[in-house]
N, C-alpha and C. Protein backbone atom coordinates (compact mmCIF):
# COMPACT_ATOMS: atom_id res chain seq x y z
N MET A 1 -30.92 111.61 3.03
CA MET A 1 -30.01 111.86 4.15
C MET A 1 -29.81 110.55 4.92
N PRO A 2 -28.56 110.22 5.23
CA PRO A 2 -28.31 108.97 5.96
C PRO A 2 -28.91 108.99 7.37
N ASN A 3 -29.31 107.83 7.83
CA ASN A 3 -29.81 107.67 9.19
C ASN A 3 -28.67 107.23 10.09
N VAL A 4 -28.88 107.40 11.39
CA VAL A 4 -27.90 106.98 12.40
C VAL A 4 -28.55 105.91 13.26
N PHE A 5 -27.81 104.82 13.51
CA PHE A 5 -28.30 103.71 14.31
C PHE A 5 -27.32 103.38 15.41
N ALA A 6 -27.83 102.77 16.48
CA ALA A 6 -26.99 102.24 17.56
C ALA A 6 -27.45 100.82 17.84
N THR A 7 -26.50 99.99 18.23
CA THR A 7 -26.79 98.59 18.55
C THR A 7 -25.68 98.03 19.42
N ALA A 8 -25.90 96.88 19.98
CA ALA A 8 -24.88 96.26 20.84
C ALA A 8 -25.19 94.78 21.05
N ASP A 9 -24.18 94.07 21.48
CA ASP A 9 -24.32 92.71 22.03
C ASP A 9 -24.85 91.67 21.06
N GLN A 10 -24.43 91.74 19.81
CA GLN A 10 -24.82 90.69 18.88
C GLN A 10 -24.19 89.35 19.27
N HIS A 11 -22.98 89.38 19.78
CA HIS A 11 -22.28 88.15 20.20
C HIS A 11 -22.24 87.11 19.08
N PHE A 12 -21.91 87.55 17.86
CA PHE A 12 -21.80 86.61 16.75
C PHE A 12 -20.83 85.49 17.12
N GLY A 13 -21.26 84.24 16.96
CA GLY A 13 -20.44 83.08 17.24
C GLY A 13 -20.48 82.57 18.67
N HIS A 14 -21.26 83.20 19.53
CA HIS A 14 -21.32 82.82 20.95
C HIS A 14 -22.51 81.89 21.20
N ALA A 15 -22.25 80.62 21.29
CA ALA A 15 -23.32 79.63 21.46
C ALA A 15 -24.07 79.80 22.78
N ASN A 16 -23.35 80.04 23.86
CA ASN A 16 -24.01 80.10 25.17
C ASN A 16 -24.88 81.36 25.37
N ILE A 17 -24.65 82.40 24.57
CA ILE A 17 -25.48 83.60 24.75
C ILE A 17 -26.94 83.29 24.43
N ILE A 18 -27.15 82.32 23.56
CA ILE A 18 -28.52 81.93 23.22
C ILE A 18 -29.25 81.45 24.47
N ARG A 19 -28.59 80.62 25.25
CA ARG A 19 -29.18 80.11 26.49
C ARG A 19 -29.19 81.18 27.59
N PHE A 20 -28.08 81.91 27.74
CA PHE A 20 -27.97 82.90 28.81
C PHE A 20 -29.04 83.98 28.73
N THR A 21 -29.40 84.36 27.52
CA THR A 21 -30.36 85.46 27.35
C THR A 21 -31.69 85.00 26.76
N ASN A 22 -31.88 83.71 26.66
CA ASN A 22 -33.13 83.13 26.13
C ASN A 22 -33.43 83.64 24.72
N ARG A 23 -32.43 83.71 23.89
CA ARG A 23 -32.65 84.12 22.50
C ARG A 23 -33.40 83.03 21.75
N PRO A 24 -34.25 83.40 20.83
CA PRO A 24 -35.10 82.42 20.14
C PRO A 24 -34.42 81.72 18.96
N PHE A 25 -33.18 81.36 19.13
CA PHE A 25 -32.42 80.71 18.06
C PHE A 25 -31.95 79.34 18.53
N LYS A 26 -31.83 78.41 17.60
CA LYS A 26 -31.34 77.07 17.95
C LYS A 26 -29.81 77.02 17.92
N TYR A 27 -29.22 77.70 16.94
CA TYR A 27 -27.78 77.60 16.72
C TYR A 27 -27.20 78.97 16.40
N THR A 28 -25.89 79.09 16.53
CA THR A 28 -25.23 80.37 16.23
C THR A 28 -25.37 80.75 14.76
N ASP A 29 -25.41 79.76 13.87
CA ASP A 29 -25.57 80.09 12.44
C ASP A 29 -26.93 80.74 12.19
N GLU A 30 -27.97 80.21 12.82
CA GLU A 30 -29.30 80.81 12.69
C GLU A 30 -29.31 82.20 13.29
N MET A 31 -28.72 82.37 14.46
CA MET A 31 -28.65 83.68 15.11
C MET A 31 -27.92 84.68 14.21
N ARG A 32 -26.79 84.27 13.66
CA ARG A 32 -26.02 85.14 12.78
C ARG A 32 -26.86 85.60 11.59
N GLU A 33 -27.51 84.69 10.93
CA GLU A 33 -28.26 85.04 9.73
C GLU A 33 -29.45 85.95 10.03
N ILE A 34 -30.13 85.69 11.13
CA ILE A 34 -31.28 86.55 11.49
C ILE A 34 -30.80 87.93 11.92
N LEU A 35 -29.73 88.01 12.71
CA LEU A 35 -29.20 89.31 13.12
C LEU A 35 -28.73 90.11 11.92
N ILE A 36 -28.07 89.48 10.97
CA ILE A 36 -27.62 90.18 9.76
C ILE A 36 -28.84 90.63 8.94
N ALA A 37 -29.82 89.77 8.76
CA ALA A 37 -31.02 90.13 7.99
C ALA A 37 -31.76 91.29 8.66
N ASN A 38 -31.93 91.22 9.98
CA ASN A 38 -32.61 92.31 10.70
C ASN A 38 -31.85 93.61 10.56
N HIS A 39 -30.53 93.54 10.70
CA HIS A 39 -29.69 94.74 10.55
C HIS A 39 -29.93 95.37 9.18
N ASN A 40 -29.83 94.55 8.14
CA ASN A 40 -29.93 95.07 6.78
C ASN A 40 -31.34 95.47 6.36
N LYS A 41 -32.35 95.02 7.11
CA LYS A 41 -33.73 95.48 6.85
C LYS A 41 -33.89 96.95 7.18
N VAL A 42 -33.16 97.43 8.19
CA VAL A 42 -33.34 98.82 8.63
C VAL A 42 -32.16 99.72 8.28
N VAL A 43 -30.97 99.18 8.21
CA VAL A 43 -29.77 99.98 7.92
C VAL A 43 -29.48 99.90 6.42
N LYS A 44 -29.36 101.06 5.80
CA LYS A 44 -29.00 101.13 4.38
C LYS A 44 -27.50 101.36 4.25
N VAL A 45 -26.99 101.17 3.05
CA VAL A 45 -25.54 101.26 2.80
C VAL A 45 -24.96 102.59 3.25
N GLN A 46 -25.68 103.69 3.05
CA GLN A 46 -25.16 105.02 3.38
C GLN A 46 -25.36 105.41 4.84
N ASP A 47 -26.05 104.61 5.64
CA ASP A 47 -26.33 104.95 7.04
C ASP A 47 -25.09 104.76 7.92
N THR A 48 -25.18 105.32 9.11
CA THR A 48 -24.10 105.22 10.10
C THR A 48 -24.57 104.33 11.25
N VAL A 49 -23.68 103.43 11.69
CA VAL A 49 -24.02 102.50 12.76
C VAL A 49 -22.94 102.57 13.84
N TYR A 50 -23.39 102.76 15.09
CA TYR A 50 -22.50 102.72 16.25
C TYR A 50 -22.75 101.41 16.98
N HIS A 51 -21.72 100.56 17.02
CA HIS A 51 -21.79 99.29 17.74
C HIS A 51 -21.23 99.53 19.13
N LEU A 52 -22.03 99.24 20.15
CA LEU A 52 -21.59 99.50 21.52
C LEU A 52 -21.12 98.22 22.21
N GLY A 53 -20.25 97.51 21.53
CA GLY A 53 -19.54 96.39 22.14
C GLY A 53 -20.14 95.02 21.93
N ASP A 54 -19.27 94.03 22.18
CA ASP A 54 -19.62 92.60 22.14
C ASP A 54 -20.24 92.19 20.81
N LEU A 55 -19.56 92.55 19.75
CA LEU A 55 -20.04 92.22 18.40
C LEU A 55 -19.65 90.79 18.00
N PHE A 56 -18.38 90.44 18.21
CA PHE A 56 -17.89 89.11 17.81
C PHE A 56 -17.40 88.35 19.03
N TRP A 57 -17.78 87.09 19.12
CA TRP A 57 -17.33 86.23 20.23
C TRP A 57 -15.92 85.75 19.94
N ARG A 58 -15.17 85.51 20.99
CA ARG A 58 -13.73 85.18 20.87
C ARG A 58 -13.41 83.89 20.10
N THR A 59 -14.40 83.03 19.91
CA THR A 59 -14.14 81.78 19.17
C THR A 59 -14.12 81.98 17.65
N LEU A 60 -14.60 83.14 17.18
CA LEU A 60 -14.57 83.41 15.75
C LEU A 60 -13.15 83.67 15.29
N THR A 61 -12.85 83.25 14.10
CA THR A 61 -11.58 83.63 13.49
C THR A 61 -11.73 85.06 12.97
N VAL A 62 -10.62 85.68 12.71
CA VAL A 62 -10.65 87.02 12.11
C VAL A 62 -11.36 86.98 10.77
N GLU A 63 -11.11 85.94 10.01
CA GLU A 63 -11.75 85.81 8.70
C GLU A 63 -13.27 85.73 8.82
N GLN A 64 -13.75 84.98 9.81
CA GLN A 64 -15.20 84.88 10.03
C GLN A 64 -15.78 86.24 10.43
N ALA A 65 -15.07 86.94 11.32
CA ALA A 65 -15.54 88.26 11.76
C ALA A 65 -15.54 89.26 10.60
N VAL A 66 -14.50 89.25 9.79
CA VAL A 66 -14.43 90.14 8.62
C VAL A 66 -15.58 89.83 7.67
N TYR A 67 -15.88 88.56 7.46
CA TYR A 67 -16.97 88.16 6.58
C TYR A 67 -18.31 88.68 7.11
N ILE A 68 -18.56 88.52 8.40
CA ILE A 68 -19.81 89.01 8.99
C ILE A 68 -19.89 90.53 8.82
N ARG A 69 -18.82 91.22 9.18
CA ARG A 69 -18.81 92.69 9.06
C ARG A 69 -19.08 93.12 7.62
N SER A 70 -18.52 92.39 6.66
CA SER A 70 -18.69 92.76 5.24
C SER A 70 -20.15 92.63 4.80
N ARG A 71 -20.93 91.85 5.49
CA ARG A 71 -22.33 91.64 5.14
C ARG A 71 -23.27 92.65 5.78
N LEU A 72 -22.78 93.46 6.71
CA LEU A 72 -23.61 94.44 7.42
C LEU A 72 -23.61 95.78 6.70
N ASN A 73 -24.79 96.27 6.34
CA ASN A 73 -24.90 97.57 5.70
C ASN A 73 -24.43 98.67 6.63
N GLY A 74 -24.00 99.77 6.04
CA GLY A 74 -23.70 100.98 6.80
C GLY A 74 -22.23 101.27 6.95
N ASN A 75 -21.96 102.46 7.47
CA ASN A 75 -20.63 102.92 7.86
C ASN A 75 -20.56 102.71 9.36
N HIS A 76 -19.57 101.94 9.81
CA HIS A 76 -19.56 101.43 11.17
C HIS A 76 -18.48 102.06 12.05
N TYR A 77 -18.87 102.27 13.32
CA TYR A 77 -17.99 102.78 14.38
C TYR A 77 -18.15 101.85 15.56
N PHE A 78 -17.10 101.73 16.38
CA PHE A 78 -17.12 100.69 17.40
C PHE A 78 -16.69 101.18 18.77
N ILE A 79 -17.49 100.85 19.78
CA ILE A 79 -17.17 101.07 21.20
C ILE A 79 -16.84 99.69 21.78
N TYR A 80 -15.69 99.59 22.43
CA TYR A 80 -15.28 98.31 23.00
C TYR A 80 -16.18 97.89 24.16
N GLY A 81 -16.50 96.59 24.20
CA GLY A 81 -17.21 95.99 25.31
C GLY A 81 -16.28 95.07 26.07
N ASN A 82 -16.84 94.18 26.84
CA ASN A 82 -16.03 93.27 27.66
C ASN A 82 -15.71 91.96 26.96
N HIS A 83 -16.26 91.73 25.76
CA HIS A 83 -15.97 90.50 25.01
C HIS A 83 -15.53 90.83 23.59
N ASP A 84 -14.52 91.64 23.48
CA ASP A 84 -14.08 92.08 22.15
C ASP A 84 -12.64 91.72 21.85
N GLU A 85 -12.26 90.50 22.26
CA GLU A 85 -10.89 90.05 22.03
C GLU A 85 -10.53 89.99 20.56
N VAL A 86 -11.46 89.57 19.71
CA VAL A 86 -11.18 89.48 18.28
C VAL A 86 -10.89 90.86 17.71
N MET A 87 -11.67 91.86 18.12
CA MET A 87 -11.44 93.24 17.66
C MET A 87 -10.12 93.78 18.18
N GLU A 88 -9.85 93.54 19.44
CA GLU A 88 -8.67 94.12 20.07
C GLU A 88 -7.38 93.58 19.47
N ARG A 89 -7.37 92.35 19.02
CA ARG A 89 -6.12 91.74 18.58
C ARG A 89 -5.89 91.79 17.07
N ASN A 90 -6.79 92.43 16.30
CA ASN A 90 -6.60 92.39 14.86
C ASN A 90 -6.85 93.73 14.18
N TYR A 91 -5.78 94.28 13.63
CA TYR A 91 -5.88 95.56 12.92
C TYR A 91 -6.77 95.47 11.68
N GLN A 92 -6.69 94.36 10.95
CA GLN A 92 -7.49 94.21 9.75
C GLN A 92 -8.98 94.37 10.05
N LEU A 93 -9.44 93.77 11.12
CA LEU A 93 -10.84 93.88 11.51
C LEU A 93 -11.15 95.29 11.98
N ARG A 94 -10.32 95.85 12.83
CA ARG A 94 -10.55 97.21 13.30
C ARG A 94 -10.59 98.23 12.16
N SER A 95 -9.82 97.97 11.11
CA SER A 95 -9.77 98.92 9.99
C SER A 95 -11.08 98.98 9.21
N LEU A 96 -11.99 98.05 9.45
CA LEU A 96 -13.29 98.07 8.79
C LEU A 96 -14.29 98.99 9.50
N PHE A 97 -13.82 99.65 10.55
CA PHE A 97 -14.63 100.59 11.32
C PHE A 97 -14.00 101.97 11.22
N GLY A 98 -14.82 103.01 11.21
CA GLY A 98 -14.31 104.38 11.14
C GLY A 98 -13.36 104.68 12.28
N TRP A 99 -13.68 104.17 13.45
CA TRP A 99 -12.81 104.22 14.63
C TRP A 99 -13.28 103.19 15.63
N CYS A 100 -12.42 102.89 16.59
CA CYS A 100 -12.74 102.00 17.72
C CYS A 100 -12.31 102.73 18.98
N LYS A 101 -13.21 102.91 19.93
CA LYS A 101 -12.94 103.67 21.14
C LYS A 101 -13.58 103.00 22.35
N ASP A 102 -13.23 103.47 23.54
CA ASP A 102 -13.84 102.98 24.77
C ASP A 102 -15.16 103.69 25.06
N THR A 103 -15.25 104.95 24.70
CA THR A 103 -16.45 105.74 24.91
C THR A 103 -16.43 106.87 23.91
N TYR A 104 -17.58 107.47 23.67
CA TYR A 104 -17.63 108.54 22.67
C TYR A 104 -18.80 109.47 22.98
N ASN A 105 -18.57 110.77 22.79
CA ASN A 105 -19.62 111.77 22.94
C ASN A 105 -20.07 112.16 21.53
N LEU A 106 -21.19 111.62 21.10
CA LEU A 106 -21.73 111.81 19.76
C LEU A 106 -22.54 113.10 19.70
N LYS A 107 -22.24 113.90 18.68
CA LYS A 107 -22.98 115.16 18.47
C LYS A 107 -23.60 115.09 17.09
N VAL A 108 -24.93 115.07 17.06
CA VAL A 108 -25.69 115.04 15.81
C VAL A 108 -26.60 116.25 15.82
N PRO A 109 -26.51 117.12 14.79
CA PRO A 109 -27.36 118.30 14.75
C PRO A 109 -28.83 117.95 14.95
N GLY A 110 -29.49 118.73 15.83
CA GLY A 110 -30.91 118.52 16.09
C GLY A 110 -31.21 117.58 17.24
N TYR A 111 -30.17 117.00 17.83
CA TYR A 111 -30.34 116.06 18.95
C TYR A 111 -29.47 116.49 20.11
N PRO A 112 -29.84 116.09 21.34
CA PRO A 112 -28.94 116.35 22.47
C PRO A 112 -27.63 115.59 22.27
N ASN A 113 -26.60 115.96 23.01
CA ASN A 113 -25.38 115.17 23.01
C ASN A 113 -25.73 113.76 23.45
N ILE A 114 -24.98 112.79 22.91
CA ILE A 114 -25.26 111.39 23.21
C ILE A 114 -23.96 110.71 23.62
N VAL A 115 -23.94 110.19 24.83
CA VAL A 115 -22.76 109.50 25.34
C VAL A 115 -22.92 108.01 25.03
N LEU A 116 -21.94 107.47 24.31
CA LEU A 116 -21.95 106.05 23.91
C LEU A 116 -20.95 105.30 24.77
N ASN A 117 -21.41 104.21 25.38
CA ASN A 117 -20.54 103.37 26.19
C ASN A 117 -21.13 101.97 26.20
N HIS A 118 -20.29 100.98 26.38
CA HIS A 118 -20.82 99.61 26.46
C HIS A 118 -21.62 99.41 27.74
N TYR A 119 -21.23 100.11 28.79
CA TYR A 119 -21.82 99.90 30.11
C TYR A 119 -22.81 101.00 30.47
N ALA A 120 -23.87 100.61 31.17
CA ALA A 120 -24.82 101.58 31.68
C ALA A 120 -24.15 102.41 32.77
N MET A 121 -24.41 103.70 32.76
CA MET A 121 -23.86 104.60 33.77
C MET A 121 -25.00 105.27 34.53
N ARG A 122 -24.73 105.58 35.76
CA ARG A 122 -25.75 106.29 36.55
C ARG A 122 -25.77 107.76 36.21
N VAL A 123 -24.62 108.32 35.93
CA VAL A 123 -24.51 109.70 35.45
C VAL A 123 -23.47 109.70 34.33
N TRP A 124 -23.54 110.67 33.46
CA TRP A 124 -22.63 110.77 32.33
C TRP A 124 -22.48 112.25 31.98
N ASN A 125 -21.54 112.54 31.11
CA ASN A 125 -21.29 113.91 30.70
C ASN A 125 -22.57 114.53 30.15
N GLY A 126 -23.06 115.56 30.82
CA GLY A 126 -24.25 116.25 30.38
C GLY A 126 -25.56 115.63 30.81
N SER A 127 -25.53 114.62 31.68
CA SER A 127 -26.77 113.96 32.07
C SER A 127 -27.76 114.91 32.74
N HIS A 128 -27.25 115.90 33.43
CA HIS A 128 -28.13 116.86 34.11
C HIS A 128 -28.55 118.00 33.19
N LYS A 129 -28.07 117.95 31.94
CA LYS A 129 -28.40 118.99 30.96
C LYS A 129 -29.11 118.39 29.75
N GLY A 130 -29.64 117.17 29.90
CA GLY A 130 -30.43 116.58 28.84
C GLY A 130 -29.70 115.67 27.86
N ALA A 131 -28.41 115.41 28.09
CA ALA A 131 -27.67 114.51 27.21
C ALA A 131 -28.19 113.08 27.36
N TYR A 132 -28.24 112.37 26.27
CA TYR A 132 -28.64 110.97 26.28
C TYR A 132 -27.43 110.08 26.57
N HIS A 133 -27.74 108.87 27.03
CA HIS A 133 -26.70 107.86 27.23
C HIS A 133 -27.21 106.55 26.63
N LEU A 134 -26.44 105.98 25.70
CA LEU A 134 -26.77 104.70 25.09
C LEU A 134 -25.75 103.68 25.51
N TYR A 135 -26.22 102.47 25.78
CA TYR A 135 -25.35 101.43 26.29
C TYR A 135 -25.85 100.05 25.86
N GLY A 136 -25.05 99.04 26.13
CA GLY A 136 -25.41 97.65 25.90
C GLY A 136 -25.14 96.87 27.17
N HIS A 137 -24.48 95.74 27.06
CA HIS A 137 -23.97 94.91 28.14
C HIS A 137 -25.03 94.21 28.98
N SER A 138 -26.12 94.85 29.27
CA SER A 138 -27.09 94.31 30.23
C SER A 138 -28.14 93.39 29.59
N HIS A 139 -28.17 93.30 28.28
CA HIS A 139 -29.08 92.39 27.57
C HIS A 139 -30.54 92.58 27.98
N GLY A 140 -30.93 93.84 28.17
CA GLY A 140 -32.32 94.16 28.48
C GLY A 140 -32.77 93.80 29.87
N LYS A 141 -31.83 93.55 30.78
CA LYS A 141 -32.21 93.07 32.10
C LYS A 141 -32.10 94.11 33.22
N LEU A 142 -31.74 95.35 32.89
CA LEU A 142 -31.72 96.38 33.94
C LEU A 142 -33.13 96.86 34.19
N GLY A 143 -33.51 96.94 35.43
CA GLY A 143 -34.83 97.44 35.78
C GLY A 143 -34.82 98.93 35.96
N PRO A 144 -35.96 99.53 36.25
CA PRO A 144 -36.04 100.97 36.48
C PRO A 144 -35.27 101.37 37.74
N THR A 145 -34.86 102.62 37.77
CA THR A 145 -34.15 103.15 38.93
C THR A 145 -34.87 104.36 39.46
N THR A 146 -34.39 104.87 40.57
CA THR A 146 -34.98 106.08 41.14
C THR A 146 -34.24 107.33 40.66
N ASN A 147 -33.12 107.18 39.97
CA ASN A 147 -32.37 108.30 39.43
C ASN A 147 -33.06 108.74 38.15
N LYS A 148 -33.67 109.93 38.14
CA LYS A 148 -34.48 110.34 36.98
C LYS A 148 -33.67 110.45 35.71
N TYR A 149 -32.42 110.87 35.78
CA TYR A 149 -31.61 110.99 34.58
C TYR A 149 -31.28 109.61 34.03
N GLU A 150 -30.91 108.73 34.91
CA GLU A 150 -30.58 107.36 34.49
C GLU A 150 -31.81 106.69 33.88
N SER A 151 -32.95 106.90 34.48
CA SER A 151 -34.18 106.26 34.00
C SER A 151 -34.70 106.89 32.71
N LEU A 152 -34.63 108.21 32.61
CA LEU A 152 -35.28 108.89 31.52
C LEU A 152 -34.40 109.11 30.29
N LEU A 153 -33.13 109.29 30.50
CA LEU A 153 -32.27 109.72 29.39
C LEU A 153 -31.25 108.67 28.97
N SER A 154 -31.37 107.46 29.45
CA SER A 154 -30.47 106.40 29.01
C SER A 154 -31.29 105.26 28.41
N MET A 155 -30.61 104.51 27.53
CA MET A 155 -31.33 103.43 26.84
C MET A 155 -30.38 102.30 26.49
N ASP A 156 -30.83 101.10 26.73
CA ASP A 156 -30.14 99.87 26.31
C ASP A 156 -30.44 99.66 24.83
N VAL A 157 -29.41 99.80 23.99
CA VAL A 157 -29.60 99.63 22.56
C VAL A 157 -29.17 98.25 22.08
N GLY A 158 -28.92 97.34 23.02
CA GLY A 158 -28.53 95.98 22.66
C GLY A 158 -29.63 95.25 21.94
N VAL A 159 -29.25 94.26 21.15
CA VAL A 159 -30.24 93.53 20.36
C VAL A 159 -31.25 92.80 21.22
N ASP A 160 -30.86 92.35 22.40
CA ASP A 160 -31.81 91.63 23.26
C ASP A 160 -32.93 92.53 23.76
N ALA A 161 -32.67 93.82 23.88
CA ALA A 161 -33.67 94.77 24.37
C ALA A 161 -34.47 95.38 23.23
N ASN A 162 -34.13 95.06 21.98
CA ASN A 162 -34.75 95.74 20.84
C ASN A 162 -35.15 94.78 19.73
N ASN A 163 -35.69 93.65 20.12
CA ASN A 163 -36.23 92.67 19.17
C ASN A 163 -35.22 92.26 18.10
N PHE A 164 -33.93 92.29 18.47
CA PHE A 164 -32.84 91.84 17.62
C PHE A 164 -32.60 92.73 16.40
N TYR A 165 -32.88 94.02 16.56
CA TYR A 165 -32.64 95.04 15.52
C TYR A 165 -31.79 96.17 16.06
N PRO A 166 -31.05 96.85 15.18
CA PRO A 166 -30.44 98.13 15.57
C PRO A 166 -31.55 99.15 15.77
N VAL A 167 -31.27 100.21 16.54
CA VAL A 167 -32.26 101.23 16.85
C VAL A 167 -31.81 102.55 16.20
N SER A 168 -32.73 103.18 15.49
CA SER A 168 -32.39 104.45 14.83
C SER A 168 -32.36 105.58 15.85
N LEU A 169 -31.62 106.62 15.52
CA LEU A 169 -31.55 107.78 16.39
C LEU A 169 -32.93 108.41 16.57
N GLU A 170 -33.73 108.40 15.53
CA GLU A 170 -35.09 108.93 15.63
C GLU A 170 -35.92 108.10 16.62
N GLU A 171 -35.80 106.77 16.56
CA GLU A 171 -36.51 105.91 17.51
C GLU A 171 -36.02 106.16 18.93
N ILE A 172 -34.73 106.35 19.09
CA ILE A 172 -34.15 106.63 20.41
C ILE A 172 -34.72 107.93 20.94
N HIS A 173 -34.74 108.95 20.10
CA HIS A 173 -35.25 110.27 20.50
C HIS A 173 -36.73 110.18 20.90
N GLN A 174 -37.52 109.45 20.11
CA GLN A 174 -38.94 109.27 20.46
C GLN A 174 -39.09 108.53 21.77
N HIS A 175 -38.28 107.50 21.96
CA HIS A 175 -38.30 106.72 23.20
C HIS A 175 -38.01 107.61 24.41
N MET A 176 -36.99 108.46 24.28
CA MET A 176 -36.63 109.36 25.39
C MET A 176 -37.75 110.36 25.65
N LYS A 177 -38.35 110.91 24.60
CA LYS A 177 -39.45 111.86 24.78
C LYS A 177 -40.63 111.21 25.49
N GLU A 178 -40.95 109.98 25.13
CA GLU A 178 -42.05 109.24 25.76
C GLU A 178 -41.77 109.02 27.25
N LYS A 179 -40.53 108.64 27.56
CA LYS A 179 -40.16 108.39 28.95
C LYS A 179 -40.20 109.66 29.79
N CYS A 180 -39.97 110.81 29.17
CA CYS A 180 -39.92 112.08 29.91
C CYS A 180 -41.28 112.73 30.10
N LYS A 181 -42.32 112.16 29.51
CA LYS A 181 -43.68 112.76 29.67
C LYS A 181 -44.15 112.70 31.09
């Protein structure tokens, strides 16, 4: 049975993100290769991957972005972030994803509803009824809050918050259960 993964904020081709987020890479080429290798270590060809924004930096050509996408295992879906100019302006690239949306309410049998968005939200559809919220954008820098739903049922799935790997739905579910103890 295929697995489901979520990830965000790879920023392929973005040199300054290395410095801004203290990533352990010297160059964008090294970052690209390690992010692709990490992705493919956990994601198999038949798996499903939800990218929650900021996948390709605006300096990449469409051809470079298509090449990177072609190297990533899985069936891919995309949530727009704030740095997705390459995706927004090119149909060829967007066509490599099952769909591209601003937000999505994911329903997977056996799991609560899951709201996917690039941005962290304080409340979301179903937050008071146990729905999860997955986001990126913050690069692992959001601290705890006093809002129990925001703290317990939301998760930064960006690569900076997850050792530069996508996160499986099972790992997300375990993480939420641990936080709710």
